[in-house]
Amino acid sequence: MADTACGPIEYAMSGDGPAVLLVHGAGGGYSQVADLQRLLAASGFTAIAVSRFGYLRTPLPADATPAAQADAHACLLDALQVPRAAALGLSAGAPSALQYCVRHADRCTALVLLVPAIAVPGREVAETTPPSPFWQFVFDHALRSDFVIWGLARLWPEVLIETVLATPLEDFRNASDPERQRALAVVRDIFPVSPKVDGLKNDVLVTTPSPSPALSLIAAPTLAISTRNDLYGTDAGMAHAAAEIPGARLILFPDGGHAWLGHDAEVRAALVAFLRQATAPHRADRP
C-alpha cells in the first residue's frame, strides 16, 4: 500500500528501467495484470501494477471519475518517486490511462490501449454491458456473490468466458491449452468478488458515454490493440482513439475475443518492442 496525496493506493512494483503503469480492467485489481507485470519486469522495465478505485484495498472516493483516477495514478508515482511513466490501460483501465496522458502529459512517456473499453461518440461501449437479459441476470446477481462466482468459475467456466471475458466460446474451445489456461486464470482472478463490488459498480459509470478527454492533445507515442470479435466491441473504441491521437499505431486481430486468444505471443512481442522504442529517451529514469 502507498499513502499518497490522493489517498491510499494498493500496488505492486517489480523490475528496473523505464516505468510502466499497468491499469487493470473490470473485475481485477493489481493481480489481474500480474502476467503483464512479469513480462515487462523481465524485459527491462519497472512495472507498477495498481488497484483502481473500489478494487481490493484501494477505497472508492466520492469522485471516482477517470480524471480523478488519472490524478491518483500521478499521486502514486509521486509517492514512489517516479518522475515519468508509460501507461498501459487494459479494458476498463483505458479511460483513466487516457486521462493520465492528457492531464499529466509531461509525465506520460507512452500510452498502450489494450482492448480498451472507452466510449465512442454516438455509440455506447461499456465493458460491463451484457448482451442479453439472461446475461443481465448473471451480472446483477451472480457477480455479487462469492459462492456463485466461485461455482461458475470452477464448474461452468465457459459461462464467464463468454459473459465476463467477452470471448466467443468457439475461440476459447479452439485455442491452445496454454491460451485456455490464461483465459481461465483471468476468470478465476475475479474470485473473491466481494472486495471488488464497488469497483465493478463504478466501472459501469466510467465506461459509459461521458465528456471525452481531448485525445488529439495526447503527444505520447500510442499503441492500440483489439480484436474484431471482442464481444464488448472494443475495436470501435480502439479505432476512435487511434484516429484521434496523432501518430497512434493500431493492431487489430481478426479473432481472439476480449482475451485476444491465439494472439498472446504477438501481443507480448508488440508491447515490449513498442515500449522499448517509446521509452528509450527515458532509460536514465529510475524510481
C-alpha atoms as a PDB file:
ATOM      1  CA  MET A   1       0.000   0.000   0.000  1.00  0.00           C
ATOM      2  CA  ALA A   2       1.108   3.549  -0.693  1.00  0.00           C
ATOM      3  CA  ASP A   3      -0.102   6.552   1.289  1.00  0.00           C
ATOM      4  CA  THR A   4      -0.474   9.227  -1.363  1.00  0.00           C
ATOM      5  CA  ALA A   5      -1.840  12.751  -1.596  1.00  0.00           C
ATOM      6  CA  CYS A   6      -4.875  11.163  -3.280  1.00  0.00           C
ATOM      7  CA  GLY A   7      -5.405   8.585  -0.532  1.00  0.00           C
ATOM      8  CA  PRO A   8      -4.241   5.000  -0.011  1.00  0.00           C
ATOM      9  CA  ILE A   9      -3.495   3.053  -3.194  1.00  0.00           C
ATOM     10  CA  GLU A  10      -2.677  -0.634  -3.494  1.00  0.00           C
ATOM     11  CA  TYR A  11       0.100  -1.509  -5.918  1.00  0.00           C
ATOM     12  CA  ALA A  12       2.833  -3.995  -6.773  1.00  0.00           C
ATOM     13  CA  MET A  13       6.143  -2.944  -8.307  1.00  0.00           C
ATOM     14  CA  SER A  14       8.941  -5.009  -9.830  1.00  0.00           C
ATOM     15  CA  GLY A  15      11.769  -4.711 -12.331  1.00  0.00           C
ATOM     16  CA  ASP A  16      14.242  -1.978 -13.154  1.00  0.00           C
ATOM     17  CA  GLY A  17      14.173   0.508 -16.003  1.00  0.00           C
ATOM     18  CA  PRO A  18      11.685   2.965 -17.501  1.00  0.00           C
ATOM     19  CA  ALA A  19       8.439   2.850 -15.531  1.00  0.00           C
ATOM     20  CA  VAL A  20       5.209   1.438 -16.927  1.00  0.00           C
ATOM     21  CA  LEU A  21       1.947   1.865 -15.012  1.00  0.00           C
ATOM     22  CA  LEU A  22      -0.370  -1.131 -15.516  1.00  0.00           C
ATOM     23  CA  VAL A  23      -4.061  -0.293 -15.106  1.00  0.00           C
ATOM     24  CA  HIS A  24      -6.338  -3.338 -14.841  1.00  0.00           C
ATOM     25  CA  GLY A  25      -9.793  -3.970 -16.268  1.00  0.00           C
ATOM     26  CA  ALA A  26     -13.155  -4.703 -14.656  1.00  0.00           C
ATOM     27  CA  GLY A  27     -13.202  -7.461 -12.055  1.00  0.00           C
ATOM     28  CA  GLY A  28      -9.499  -7.088 -11.473  1.00  0.00           C
ATOM     29  CA  GLY A  29      -7.230  -5.461  -9.011  1.00  0.00           C
ATOM     30  CA  TYR A  30      -3.457  -5.324  -9.428  1.00  0.00           C
ATOM     31  CA  SER A  31      -3.240  -9.123  -9.671  1.00  0.00           C
ATOM     32  CA  GLN A  32      -5.199  -9.135 -12.954  1.00  0.00           C
ATOM     33  CA  VAL A  33      -2.195  -7.678 -14.766  1.00  0.00           C
ATOM     34  CA  ALA A  34       0.394  -9.800 -12.948  1.00  0.00           C
ATOM     35  CA  ASP A  35       1.329 -11.662 -16.134  1.00  0.00           C
ATOM     36  CA  LEU A  36       1.984  -8.405 -17.984  1.00  0.00           C
ATOM     37  CA  GLN A  37       3.906  -7.136 -14.972  1.00  0.00           C
ATOM     38  CA  ARG A  38       6.193 -10.181 -15.042  1.00  0.00           C
ATOM     39  CA  LEU A  39       6.715  -9.765 -18.783  1.00  0.00           C
ATOM     40  CA  LEU A  40       7.706  -6.113 -18.532  1.00  0.00           C
ATOM     41  CA  ALA A  41       9.845  -6.560 -15.416  1.00  0.00           C
ATOM     42  CA  ALA A  42      11.778  -9.292 -17.228  1.00  0.00           C
ATOM     43  CA  SER A  43      12.118  -7.067 -20.302  1.00  0.00           C
ATOM     44  CA  GLY A  44      13.925  -4.152 -18.684  1.00  0.00           C
ATOM     45  CA  PHE A  45      11.091  -2.052 -17.249  1.00  0.00           C
ATOM     46  CA  THR A  46       9.889  -1.037 -13.819  1.00  0.00           C
ATOM     47  CA  ALA A  47       6.361  -2.423 -13.895  1.00  0.00           C
ATOM     48  CA  ILE A  48       3.865  -0.843 -11.494  1.00  0.00           C
ATOM     49  CA  ALA A  49       0.520  -2.644 -11.217  1.00  0.00           C
ATOM     50  CA  VAL A  50      -2.169  -0.633  -9.450  1.00  0.00           C
ATOM     51  CA  SER A  51      -5.577  -1.461  -7.983  1.00  0.00           C
ATOM     52  CA  ARG A  52      -8.069   1.117  -9.254  1.00  0.00           C
ATOM     53  CA  PHE A  53     -10.724   2.835  -7.133  1.00  0.00           C
ATOM     54  CA  GLY A  54     -13.032   0.348  -5.407  1.00  0.00           C
ATOM     55  CA  TYR A  55     -10.859  -2.688  -6.060  1.00  0.00           C
ATOM     56  CA  LEU A  56      -9.316  -4.729  -3.267  1.00  0.00           C
ATOM     57  CA  ARG A  57      -7.644  -2.361  -0.772  1.00  0.00           C
ATOM     58  CA  THR A  58      -7.908   0.852  -2.798  1.00  0.00           C
ATOM     59  CA  PRO A  59     -11.018   2.657  -1.489  1.00  0.00           C
ATOM     60  CA  LEU A  60     -13.702   4.221  -3.689  1.00  0.00           C
ATOM     61  CA  PRO A  61     -13.682   8.016  -3.163  1.00  0.00           C
ATOM     62  CA  ALA A  62     -16.616  10.361  -3.722  1.00  0.00           C
ATOM     63  CA  ASP A  63     -15.063  11.422  -7.020  1.00  0.00           C
ATOM     64  CA  ALA A  64     -14.140   8.200  -8.800  1.00  0.00           C
ATOM     65  CA  THR A  65     -14.185   9.513 -12.362  1.00  0.00           C
ATOM     66  CA  PRO A  66     -11.458   8.574 -14.846  1.00  0.00           C
ATOM     67  CA  ALA A  67      -9.997  12.067 -14.390  1.00  0.00           C
ATOM     68  CA  ALA A  68      -9.758  11.581 -10.622  1.00  0.00           C
ATOM     69  CA  GLN A  69      -8.291   8.124 -11.140  1.00  0.00           C
ATOM     70  CA  ALA A  70      -5.710   9.614 -13.504  1.00  0.00           C
ATOM     71  CA  ASP A  71      -4.714  12.114 -10.833  1.00  0.00           C
ATOM     72  CA  ALA A  72      -4.404   9.196  -8.404  1.00  0.00           C
ATOM     73  CA  HIS A  73      -2.036   7.497 -10.854  1.00  0.00           C
ATOM     74  CA  ALA A  74       0.130  10.617 -10.716  1.00  0.00           C
ATOM     75  CA  CYS A  75      -0.120  10.693  -6.918  1.00  0.00           C
ATOM     76  CA  LEU A  76       1.115   7.099  -6.764  1.00  0.00           C
ATOM     77  CA  LEU A  77       4.081   7.967  -8.961  1.00  0.00           C
ATOM     78  CA  ASP A  78       4.841  10.889  -6.635  1.00  0.00           C
ATOM     79  CA  ALA A  79       4.761   8.592  -3.605  1.00  0.00           C
ATOM     80  CA  LEU A  80       7.098   6.146  -5.350  1.00  0.00           C
ATOM     81  CA  GLN A  81       9.376   8.984  -6.532  1.00  0.00           C
ATOM     82  CA  VAL A  82       8.853   8.010 -10.160  1.00  0.00           C
ATOM     83  CA  PRO A  83       9.137  11.133 -12.349  1.00  0.00           C
ATOM     84  CA  ARG A  84       7.569   9.704 -15.509  1.00  0.00           C
ATOM     85  CA  ALA A  85       5.800   6.538 -16.607  1.00  0.00           C
ATOM     86  CA  ALA A  86       4.139   4.974 -19.600  1.00  0.00           C
ATOM     87  CA  ALA A  87       0.531   3.924 -19.041  1.00  0.00           C
ATOM     88  CA  LEU A  88      -0.995   0.640 -20.172  1.00  0.00           C
ATOM     89  CA  GLY A  89      -4.780   0.665 -19.859  1.00  0.00           C
ATOM     90  CA  LEU A  90      -6.377  -2.772 -20.104  1.00  0.00           C
ATOM     91  CA  SER A  91     -10.095  -2.791 -20.922  1.00  0.00           C
ATOM     92  CA  ALA A  92     -11.868  -0.640 -18.290  1.00  0.00           C
ATOM     93  CA  GLY A  93      -8.461   0.651 -17.234  1.00  0.00           C
ATOM     94  CA  ALA A  94      -8.205   2.542 -20.520  1.00  0.00           C
ATOM     95  CA  PRO A  95     -10.305   5.617 -19.582  1.00  0.00           C
ATOM     96  CA  SER A  96      -8.001   6.642 -16.730  1.00  0.00           C
ATOM     97  CA  ALA A  97      -4.883   5.795 -18.757  1.00  0.00           C
ATOM     98  CA  LEU A  98      -6.124   8.186 -21.454  1.00  0.00           C
ATOM     99  CA  GLN A  99      -6.845  10.864 -18.859  1.00  0.00           C
ATOM    100  CA  TYR A 100      -3.410  10.405 -17.316  1.00  0.00           C
ATOM    101  CA  CYS A 101      -1.769  11.160 -20.662  1.00  0.00           C
ATOM    102  CA  VAL A 102      -3.976  14.244 -21.110  1.00  0.00           C
ATOM    103  CA  ARG A 103      -3.884  15.658 -17.569  1.00  0.00           C
ATOM    104  CA  HIS A 104      -0.259  14.736 -16.860  1.00  0.00           C
ATOM    105  CA  ALA A 105       1.170  14.924 -20.356  1.00  0.00           C
ATOM    106  CA  ASP A 106       4.646  15.873 -19.139  1.00  0.00           C
ATOM    107  CA  ARG A 107       4.841  12.601 -17.194  1.00  0.00           C
ATOM    108  CA  CYS A 108       3.341  10.240 -19.784  1.00  0.00           C
ATOM    109  CA  THR A 109       6.134   8.650 -21.826  1.00  0.00           C
ATOM    110  CA  ALA A 110       3.885   6.292 -23.821  1.00  0.00           C
ATOM    111  CA  LEU A 111       0.310   5.011 -23.932  1.00  0.00           C
ATOM    112  CA  VAL A 112      -0.942   1.491 -24.611  1.00  0.00           C
ATOM    113  CA  LEU A 113      -4.661   0.820 -25.036  1.00  0.00           C
ATOM    114  CA  LEU A 114      -5.242  -2.932 -24.821  1.00  0.00           C
ATOM    115  CA  VAL A 115      -8.813  -3.985 -25.771  1.00  0.00           C
ATOM    116  CA  PRO A 116      -9.888  -0.568 -24.436  1.00  0.00           C
ATOM    117  CA  ALA A 117     -13.394  -0.096 -23.012  1.00  0.00           C
ATOM    118  CA  ILE A 118     -13.822   3.543 -23.981  1.00  0.00           C
ATOM    119  CA  ALA A 119     -16.817   5.466 -25.236  1.00  0.00           C
ATOM    120  CA  VAL A 120     -17.234   6.258 -28.908  1.00  0.00           C
ATOM    121  CA  PRO A 121     -19.294   9.294 -29.931  1.00  0.00           C
ATOM    122  CA  GLY A 122     -22.747   8.137 -30.981  1.00  0.00           C
ATOM    123  CA  ARG A 123     -22.310   4.626 -29.642  1.00  0.00           C
ATOM    124  CA  GLU A 124     -22.462   3.103 -26.176  1.00  0.00           C
ATOM    125  CA  VAL A 125     -19.489   0.926 -25.380  1.00  0.00           C
ATOM    126  CA  ALA A 126     -19.344  -0.226 -21.772  1.00  0.00           C
ATOM    127  CA  GLU A 127     -17.308  -3.143 -20.557  1.00  0.00           C
ATOM    128  CA  THR A 128     -19.947  -4.230 -18.075  1.00  0.00           C
ATOM    129  CA  THR A 129     -22.859  -4.162 -20.525  1.00  0.00           C
ATOM    130  CA  PRO A 130     -24.045  -7.748 -21.149  1.00  0.00           C
ATOM    131  CA  PRO A 131     -25.570  -8.807 -24.483  1.00  0.00           C
ATOM    132  CA  SER A 132     -28.917 -10.269 -23.347  1.00  0.00           C
ATOM    133  CA  PRO A 133     -31.479 -10.334 -20.472  1.00  0.00           C
ATOM    134  CA  PHE A 134     -30.048 -13.668 -19.310  1.00  0.00           C
ATOM    135  CA  TRP A 135     -26.558 -12.233 -19.029  1.00  0.00           C
ATOM    136  CA  GLN A 136     -28.029  -9.167 -17.323  1.00  0.00           C
ATOM    137  CA  PHE A 137     -29.286 -11.524 -14.599  1.00  0.00           C
ATOM    138  CA  VAL A 138     -25.821 -13.053 -14.347  1.00  0.00           C
ATOM    139  CA  PHE A 139     -24.222  -9.623 -13.946  1.00  0.00           C
ATOM    140  CA  ASP A 140     -26.836  -8.314 -11.496  1.00  0.00           C
ATOM    141  CA  HIS A 141     -26.844 -11.322  -9.188  1.00  0.00           C
ATOM    142  CA  ALA A 142     -24.016 -13.780  -9.789  1.00  0.00           C
ATOM    143  CA  LEU A 143     -21.230 -11.206  -9.740  1.00  0.00           C
ATOM    144  CA  ARG A 144     -22.327 -10.035  -6.291  1.00  0.00           C
ATOM    145  CA  SER A 145     -21.956 -13.486  -4.729  1.00  0.00           C
ATOM    146  CA  ASP A 146     -18.608 -15.058  -3.906  1.00  0.00           C
ATOM    147  CA  PHE A 147     -20.215 -18.511  -3.723  1.00  0.00           C
ATOM    148  CA  VAL A 148     -21.971 -18.196  -7.093  1.00  0.00           C
ATOM    149  CA  ILE A 149     -18.949 -16.788  -8.884  1.00  0.00           C
ATOM    150  CA  TRP A 150     -16.753 -19.493  -7.349  1.00  0.00           C
ATOM    151  CA  GLY A 151     -19.189 -22.162  -8.515  1.00  0.00           C
ATOM    152  CA  LEU A 152     -19.355 -20.748 -12.029  1.00  0.00           C
ATOM    153  CA  ALA A 153     -15.586 -20.395 -12.274  1.00  0.00           C
ATOM    154  CA  ARG A 154     -14.973 -23.965 -11.102  1.00  0.00           C
ATOM    155  CA  LEU A 155     -17.930 -25.870 -12.526  1.00  0.00           C
ATOM    156  CA  TRP A 156     -19.099 -23.884 -15.567  1.00  0.00           C
ATOM    157  CA  PRO A 157     -16.232 -21.587 -16.553  1.00  0.00           C
ATOM    158  CA  GLU A 158     -17.442 -21.172 -20.136  1.00  0.00           C
ATOM    159  CA  VAL A 159     -20.325 -19.018 -18.841  1.00  0.00           C
ATOM    160  CA  LEU A 160     -17.795 -16.491 -17.594  1.00  0.00           C
ATOM    161  CA  ILE A 161     -15.566 -16.822 -20.659  1.00  0.00           C
ATOM    162  CA  GLU A 162     -18.415 -15.563 -22.839  1.00  0.00           C
ATOM    163  CA  THR A 163     -20.016 -13.065 -20.444  1.00  0.00           C
ATOM    164  CA  VAL A 164     -17.276 -11.584 -18.283  1.00  0.00           C
ATOM    165  CA  LEU A 165     -14.323 -12.227 -20.581  1.00  0.00           C
ATOM    166  CA  ALA A 166     -16.391 -11.390 -23.681  1.00  0.00           C
ATOM    167  CA  THR A 167     -14.669 -14.018 -25.777  1.00  0.00           C
ATOM    168  CA  PRO A 168     -16.558 -16.261 -28.232  1.00  0.00           C
ATOM    169  CA  LEU A 169     -16.705 -19.849 -26.999  1.00  0.00           C
ATOM    170  CA  GLU A 170     -15.522 -21.075 -30.389  1.00  0.00           C
ATOM    171  CA  ASP A 171     -12.290 -19.127 -29.948  1.00  0.00           C
ATOM    172  CA  PHE A 172     -11.866 -20.497 -26.415  1.00  0.00           C
ATOM    173  CA  ARG A 173     -12.527 -24.105 -27.427  1.00  0.00           C
ATOM    174  CA  ASN A 174     -10.178 -23.885 -30.415  1.00  0.00           C
ATOM    175  CA  ALA A 175      -7.360 -22.199 -28.503  1.00  0.00           C
ATOM    176  CA  SER A 176      -4.213 -23.980 -27.372  1.00  0.00           C
ATOM    177  CA  ASP A 177      -4.135 -25.309 -23.823  1.00  0.00           C
ATOM    178  CA  PRO A 178      -1.806 -22.513 -22.590  1.00  0.00           C
ATOM    179  CA  GLU A 179      -4.170 -19.922 -24.065  1.00  0.00           C
ATOM    180  CA  ARG A 180      -7.224 -21.554 -22.471  1.00  0.00           C
ATOM    181  CA  GLN A 181      -5.412 -21.643 -19.140  1.00  0.00           C
ATOM    182  CA  ARG A 182      -4.583 -17.949 -19.485  1.00  0.00           C
ATOM    183  CA  ALA A 183      -8.261 -17.136 -20.034  1.00  0.00           C
ATOM    184  CA  LEU A 184      -9.331 -19.314 -17.108  1.00  0.00           C
ATOM    185  CA  ALA A 185      -6.759 -17.626 -14.868  1.00  0.00           C
ATOM    186  CA  VAL A 186      -8.366 -14.242 -15.599  1.00  0.00           C
ATOM    187  CA  VAL A 187     -11.790 -15.659 -14.745  1.00  0.00           C
ATOM    188  CA  ARG A 188     -10.538 -17.210 -11.503  1.00  0.00           C
ATOM    189  CA  ASP A 189      -8.866 -13.937 -10.528  1.00  0.00           C
ATOM    190  CA  ILE A 190     -12.342 -12.413 -10.193  1.00  0.00           C
ATOM    191  CA  PHE A 191     -12.873 -14.518  -7.047  1.00  0.00           C
ATOM    192  CA  PRO A 192     -13.441 -13.375  -4.349  1.00  0.00           C
ATOM    193  CA  VAL A 193     -15.711 -10.753  -5.871  1.00  0.00           C
ATOM    194  CA  SER A 194     -16.853  -9.026  -2.661  1.00  0.00           C
ATOM    195  CA  PRO A 195     -13.709  -6.815  -2.347  1.00  0.00           C
ATOM    196  CA  LYS A 196     -14.324  -5.653  -5.932  1.00  0.00           C
ATOM    197  CA  VAL A 197     -18.045  -4.852  -5.977  1.00  0.00           C
ATOM    198  CA  ASP A 198     -17.536  -1.093  -5.508  1.00  0.00           C
ATOM    199  CA  GLY A 199     -15.077  -1.057  -8.389  1.00  0.00           C
ATOM    200  CA  LEU A 200     -17.362  -3.106 -10.636  1.00  0.00           C
ATOM    201  CA  LYS A 201     -20.269  -0.744  -9.993  1.00  0.00           C
ATOM    202  CA  ASN A 202     -18.065   2.248 -10.719  1.00  0.00           C
ATOM    203  CA  ASP A 203     -16.857   0.706 -13.973  1.00  0.00           C
ATOM    204  CA  VAL A 204     -20.413   0.872 -15.303  1.00  0.00           C
ATOM    205  CA  LEU A 205     -20.101   4.647 -14.983  1.00  0.00           C
ATOM    206  CA  VAL A 206     -16.546   5.119 -16.249  1.00  0.00           C
ATOM    207  CA  THR A 207     -17.102   3.112 -19.443  1.00  0.00           C
ATOM    208  CA  THR A 208     -20.398   4.717 -20.485  1.00  0.00           C
ATOM    209  CA  PRO A 209     -20.562   7.863 -22.614  1.00  0.00           C
ATOM    210  CA  SER A 210     -19.255  10.961 -20.836  1.00  0.00           C
ATOM    211  CA  PRO A 211     -17.225  14.003 -21.837  1.00  0.00           C
ATOM    212  CA  SER A 212     -14.176  12.561 -23.582  1.00  0.00           C
ATOM    213  CA  PRO A 213     -10.667  13.773 -22.905  1.00  0.00           C
ATOM    214  CA  ALA A 214      -9.087  15.786 -25.690  1.00  0.00           C
ATOM    215  CA  LEU A 215      -7.475  12.804 -27.388  1.00  0.00           C
ATOM    216  CA  SER A 216      -5.906  14.987 -30.056  1.00  0.00           C
ATOM    217  CA  LEU A 217      -3.811  16.614 -27.317  1.00  0.00           C
ATOM    218  CA  ILE A 218      -2.044  13.363 -26.456  1.00  0.00           C
ATOM    219  CA  ALA A 219       1.532  13.690 -27.652  1.00  0.00           C
ATOM    220  CA  ALA A 220       2.911  10.461 -26.207  1.00  0.00           C
ATOM    221  CA  PRO A 221       3.603   7.552 -28.575  1.00  0.00           C
ATOM    222  CA  THR A 222       0.459   5.415 -28.578  1.00  0.00           C
ATOM    223  CA  LEU A 223      -0.289   1.778 -29.391  1.00  0.00           C
ATOM    224  CA  ALA A 224      -3.886   0.497 -29.548  1.00  0.00           C
ATOM    225  CA  ILE A 225      -4.715  -3.223 -29.758  1.00  0.00           C
ATOM    226  CA  SER A 226      -8.039  -5.054 -30.108  1.00  0.00           C
ATOM    227  CA  THR A 227      -9.853  -7.836 -31.990  1.00  0.00           C
ATOM    228  CA  ARG A 228     -12.744  -7.741 -34.445  1.00  0.00           C
ATOM    229  CA  ASN A 229     -14.855 -10.211 -32.457  1.00  0.00           C
ATOM    230  CA  ASP A 230     -14.409  -8.779 -28.964  1.00  0.00           C
ATOM    231  CA  LEU A 231     -17.936  -9.153 -27.563  1.00  0.00           C
ATOM    232  CA  TYR A 232     -17.525  -5.804 -25.789  1.00  0.00           C
ATOM    233  CA  GLY A 233     -16.903  -4.115 -29.132  1.00  0.00           C
ATOM    234  CA  THR A 234     -13.611  -2.563 -28.060  1.00  0.00           C
ATOM    235  CA  ASP A 235     -12.437  -2.457 -31.668  1.00  0.00           C
ATOM    236  CA  ALA A 236     -14.638   0.626 -32.134  1.00  0.00           C
ATOM    237  CA  GLY A 237     -13.112   2.407 -29.146  1.00  0.00           C
ATOM    238  CA  MET A 238      -9.633   1.450 -30.250  1.00  0.00           C
ATOM    239  CA  ALA A 239     -10.232   2.740 -33.772  1.00  0.00           C
ATOM    240  CA  HIS A 240     -11.694   6.005 -32.446  1.00  0.00           C
ATOM    241  CA  ALA A 241      -8.741   6.611 -30.142  1.00  0.00           C
ATOM    242  CA  ALA A 242      -6.231   5.689 -32.826  1.00  0.00           C
ATOM    243  CA  ALA A 243      -7.893   8.095 -35.267  1.00  0.00           C
ATOM    244  CA  GLU A 244      -7.887  10.972 -32.762  1.00  0.00           C
ATOM    245  CA  ILE A 245      -4.431  10.533 -31.218  1.00  0.00           C
ATOM    246  CA  PRO A 246      -1.711  11.843 -33.559  1.00  0.00           C
ATOM    247  CA  GLY A 247       0.579   9.112 -34.836  1.00  0.00           C
ATOM    248  CA  ALA A 248      -1.143   6.306 -32.949  1.00  0.00           C
ATOM    249  CA  ARG A 249      -0.345   2.787 -34.102  1.00  0.00           C
ATOM    250  CA  LEU A 250      -3.218   0.309 -34.418  1.00  0.00           C
ATOM    251  CA  ILE A 251      -3.132  -3.505 -34.265  1.00  0.00           C
ATOM    252  CA  LEU A 252      -6.438  -5.278 -34.975  1.00  0.00           C
ATOM    253  CA  PHE A 253      -6.633  -9.070 -34.887  1.00  0.00           C
ATOM    254  CA  PRO A 254      -9.444 -10.859 -36.758  1.00  0.00           C
ATOM    255  CA  ASP A 255     -10.393 -13.057 -33.813  1.00  0.00           C
ATOM    256  CA  GLY A 256      -9.490 -13.935 -30.234  1.00  0.00           C
ATOM    257  CA  GLY A 257     -12.217 -12.012 -28.405  1.00  0.00           C
ATOM    258  CA  HIS A 258     -11.599  -9.742 -25.430  1.00  0.00           C
ATOM    259  CA  ALA A 259      -8.864 -12.116 -24.237  1.00  0.00           C
ATOM    260  CA  TRP A 260      -7.089 -11.974 -27.635  1.00  0.00           C
ATOM    261  CA  LEU A 261      -6.856 -15.793 -27.579  1.00  0.00           C
ATOM    262  CA  GLY A 262      -4.420 -17.151 -30.121  1.00  0.00           C
ATOM    263  CA  HIS A 263      -2.512 -13.877 -30.303  1.00  0.00           C
ATOM    264  CA  ASP A 264      -0.844 -13.591 -26.896  1.00  0.00           C
ATOM    265  CA  ALA A 265       2.677 -14.099 -28.227  1.00  0.00           C
ATOM    266  CA  GLU A 266       2.111 -11.381 -30.834  1.00  0.00           C
ATOM    267  CA  VAL A 267       0.656  -9.002 -28.240  1.00  0.00           C
ATOM    268  CA  ARG A 268       3.518  -9.560 -25.817  1.00  0.00           C
ATOM    269  CA  ALA A 269       6.141  -9.009 -28.524  1.00  0.00           C
ATOM    270  CA  ALA A 270       4.383  -5.866 -29.761  1.00  0.00           C
ATOM    271  CA  LEU A 271       4.132  -4.422 -26.240  1.00  0.00           C
ATOM    272  CA  VAL A 272       7.799  -4.936 -25.437  1.00  0.00           C
ATOM    273  CA  ALA A 273       9.035  -3.644 -28.801  1.00  0.00           C
ATOM    274  CA  PHE A 274       6.787  -0.574 -28.683  1.00  0.00           C
ATOM    275  CA  LEU A 275       7.601   0.333 -25.086  1.00  0.00           C
ATOM    276  CA  ARG A 276      11.331  -0.126 -25.606  1.00  0.00           C
ATOM    277  CA  GLN A 277      11.288   2.278 -28.527  1.00  0.00           C
ATOM    278  CA  ALA A 278       8.913   4.782 -26.914  1.00  0.00           C
ATOM    279  CA  THR A 279      10.706   4.934 -23.566  1.00  0.00           C
ATOM    280  CA  ALA A 280      14.270   4.859 -24.912  1.00  0.00           C
ATOM    281  CA  PRO A 281      14.801   8.587 -24.180  1.00  0.00           C
ATOM    282  CA  HIS A 282      13.846   7.944 -20.535  1.00  0.00           C
ATOM    283  CA  ARG A 283      16.021   4.942 -19.752  1.00  0.00           C
ATOM    284  CA  ALA A 284      18.045   7.065 -17.336  1.00  0.00           C
ATOM    285  CA  ASP A 285      14.942   7.464 -15.169  1.00  0.00           C
ATOM    286  CA  ARG A 286      14.919   5.264 -12.088  1.00  0.00           C
ATOM    287  CA  PRO A 287      12.304   5.022  -9.342  1.00  0.00           C
END
